[in-house]
Amino acid sequence: MDTKAAILALMSVWGVGTCATLPANAQDVDDATEDAVDDVGDSENPLLNKVWVRTDADPALPGPMQIFLGDGTLVTDSCWETYRLSKWQQVSDTAISWDEDGMTINADIASVSDTELVLSLKLGSDVQEQHFAVAEAPYVCPDMVK
């Protein structure tokens, strides 16, 4: 999944651009699978190419999500702020990092499975644990309290 596909997927979750159509390309299932594995580089990594939604988020600021793409792009979004594209990398089997506003955010992968992710973010001298689950489609952001 490339960056354009991730953004289109995110927009379809929001219900944006449902009138626009894209040209369809016929492709064998085997070819599509091989292309996906080539793009990811490591098809066994459960962190990659999923929409991870925070389960421990502040109810007043719903829907924070992250998508770690296999090409090294991190898509960060929520229901209350615009999306961000950042570069990310897997430092080791248990650690990742990404750039946010010119600062490197380091995080330990406390646990990851096909459906759940727990990150321990190292924010200066503080450590913040964040819990995520794979988003289920359809997902629509709730109305914001005004």
Protein backbone atom coordinates (compact mmCIF):
# COMPACT_ATOMS: atom_id res chain seq x y z
CA MET A 1 0.00 0.00 0.00
CA ASP A 2 1.53 3.28 -1.03
CA THR A 3 0.94 6.73 0.44
CA LYS A 4 -1.76 7.64 -2.10
CA ALA A 5 -3.64 4.43 -1.34
CA ALA A 6 -3.43 5.09 2.40
CA ILE A 7 -4.78 8.61 1.99
CA LEU A 8 -7.59 7.39 -0.25
CA ALA A 9 -8.42 4.68 2.29
CA LEU A 10 -8.44 7.27 5.05
CA MET A 11 -10.66 9.57 3.00
CA SER A 12 -13.09 6.73 2.30
CA VAL A 13 -13.29 6.05 6.05
CA TRP A 14 -14.29 9.71 6.42
CA GLY A 15 -16.76 9.43 3.56
CA VAL A 16 -14.89 12.07 1.55
CA GLY A 17 -14.60 11.73 -2.19
CA THR A 18 -17.17 8.99 -2.54
CA CYS A 19 -18.33 10.49 -5.84
CA ALA A 20 -14.89 10.38 -7.40
CA THR A 21 -13.99 7.27 -9.35
CA LEU A 22 -10.59 5.90 -10.14
CA PRO A 23 -9.78 3.86 -13.22
CA ALA A 24 -9.74 0.16 -12.46
CA ASN A 25 -6.88 -2.05 -13.56
CA ALA A 26 -7.37 -5.77 -13.98
CA GLN A 27 -4.68 -7.74 -12.21
CA ASP A 28 -4.18 -11.38 -11.31
CA VAL A 29 -4.49 -12.12 -7.61
CA ASP A 30 -1.00 -13.66 -7.62
CA ASP A 31 0.48 -10.51 -9.19
CA ALA A 32 -1.27 -8.27 -6.66
CA THR A 33 0.01 -10.38 -3.77
CA GLU A 34 3.58 -10.30 -5.09
CA ASP A 35 3.40 -6.51 -5.54
CA ALA A 36 2.11 -6.07 -1.98
CA VAL A 37 4.93 -8.20 -0.57
CA ASP A 38 7.49 -6.25 -2.63
CA ASP A 39 6.14 -2.91 -1.33
CA VAL A 40 6.12 -4.03 2.32
CA GLY A 41 9.44 -5.82 2.30
CA ASP A 42 8.40 -7.88 5.33
CA SER A 43 4.89 -9.25 4.99
CA GLU A 44 5.14 -10.91 8.41
CA ASN A 45 5.35 -7.62 10.34
CA PRO A 46 1.95 -7.16 12.10
CA LEU A 47 2.66 -3.44 12.60
CA LEU A 48 2.50 -2.59 8.90
CA ASN A 49 -0.29 -1.35 6.66
CA LYS A 50 -3.10 -1.31 9.25
CA VAL A 51 -5.10 1.58 10.63
CA TRP A 52 -4.28 1.62 14.35
CA VAL A 53 -6.80 3.59 16.46
CA ARG A 54 -6.00 4.62 20.04
CA THR A 55 -8.17 2.82 22.56
CA ASP A 56 -7.03 4.90 25.54
CA ALA A 57 -7.61 8.31 23.96
CA ASP A 58 -9.21 11.31 25.63
CA PRO A 59 -12.98 11.07 24.88
CA ALA A 60 -13.04 14.82 24.14
CA LEU A 61 -10.46 14.27 21.35
CA PRO A 62 -11.61 11.06 19.63
CA GLY A 63 -10.14 8.94 16.90
CA PRO A 64 -6.35 9.34 16.99
CA MET A 65 -4.88 6.85 14.55
CA GLN A 66 -1.59 5.81 13.00
CA ILE A 67 -0.78 3.85 9.86
CA PHE A 68 2.78 2.51 9.54
CA LEU A 69 3.31 1.94 5.82
CA GLY A 70 5.92 -0.46 4.54
CA ASP A 71 7.58 2.30 2.50
CA GLY A 72 8.61 4.18 5.67
CA THR A 73 5.70 6.65 5.70
CA LEU A 74 3.71 7.16 8.90
CA VAL A 75 0.18 8.54 8.47
CA THR A 76 -1.08 10.15 11.69
CA ASP A 77 -4.63 11.45 11.94
CA SER A 78 -7.57 11.99 14.28
CA CYS A 79 -11.13 13.28 14.22
CA TRP A 80 -10.03 16.68 15.53
CA GLU A 81 -6.86 17.56 13.63
CA THR A 82 -5.63 17.21 10.08
CA TYR A 83 -3.49 14.28 8.96
CA ARG A 84 0.32 14.28 9.07
CA LEU A 85 2.76 12.33 6.92
CA SER A 86 6.10 11.55 8.59
CA LYS A 87 9.05 9.29 7.99
CA TRP A 88 9.33 6.35 10.38
CA GLN A 89 11.70 3.43 10.81
CA GLN A 90 11.86 0.19 12.72
CA VAL A 91 15.06 0.48 14.74
CA SER A 92 14.89 -3.12 16.03
CA ASP A 93 12.31 -5.86 16.55
CA THR A 94 11.09 -3.99 19.64
CA ALA A 95 11.71 -0.32 18.81
CA ILE A 96 10.55 2.25 16.26
CA SER A 97 11.10 5.96 15.75
CA TRP A 98 9.57 8.73 13.68
CA ASP A 99 10.00 12.42 13.00
CA GLU A 100 7.40 14.79 14.43
CA ASP A 101 7.83 18.54 13.99
CA GLY A 102 11.60 18.15 13.58
CA MET A 103 11.98 15.96 16.68
CA THR A 104 12.63 12.23 16.73
CA ILE A 105 10.06 10.28 18.74
CA ASN A 106 11.44 6.96 20.01
CA ALA A 107 9.05 4.22 21.08
CA ASP A 108 9.37 0.68 22.33
CA ILE A 109 6.90 -1.85 20.99
CA ALA A 110 5.62 -3.24 24.29
CA SER A 111 3.39 -5.68 22.40
CA VAL A 112 2.00 -6.15 18.91
CA SER A 113 -0.38 -8.69 17.43
CA ASP A 114 -2.66 -8.81 14.41
CA THR A 115 -5.28 -6.78 16.32
CA GLU A 116 -3.56 -4.89 19.17
CA LEU A 117 -0.54 -2.61 19.57
CA VAL A 118 1.00 -1.11 22.70
CA LEU A 119 3.73 1.53 22.32
CA SER A 120 5.86 3.05 25.08
CA LEU A 121 6.82 6.50 23.84
CA LYS A 122 9.99 8.02 25.27
CA LEU A 123 9.17 11.72 25.64
CA GLY A 124 12.19 13.30 27.30
CA SER A 125 12.39 11.85 30.80
CA ASP A 126 8.74 10.67 30.62
CA VAL A 127 7.40 7.43 29.18
CA GLN A 128 3.85 7.43 27.81
CA GLU A 129 2.13 4.14 27.07
CA GLN A 130 -0.36 4.20 24.20
CA HIS A 131 -2.80 1.38 23.38
CA PHE A 132 -4.16 0.81 19.86
CA ALA A 133 -6.52 -1.60 18.12
CA VAL A 134 -7.00 -2.22 14.41
CA ALA A 135 -9.80 0.00 13.11
CA GLU A 136 -12.94 -1.70 11.91
CA ALA A 137 -14.60 -0.43 8.75
CA PRO A 138 -16.79 1.41 8.46
CA TYR A 139 -15.54 4.03 10.94
CA VAL A 140 -16.99 7.51 11.21
CA CYS A 141 -15.69 10.14 13.58
CA PRO A 142 -18.24 11.14 16.18
CA ASP A 143 -19.56 14.70 16.25
CA MET A 144 -17.27 16.98 18.23
CA VAL A 145 -18.68 18.57 21.36
CA LYS A 146 -18.77 22.36 20.91
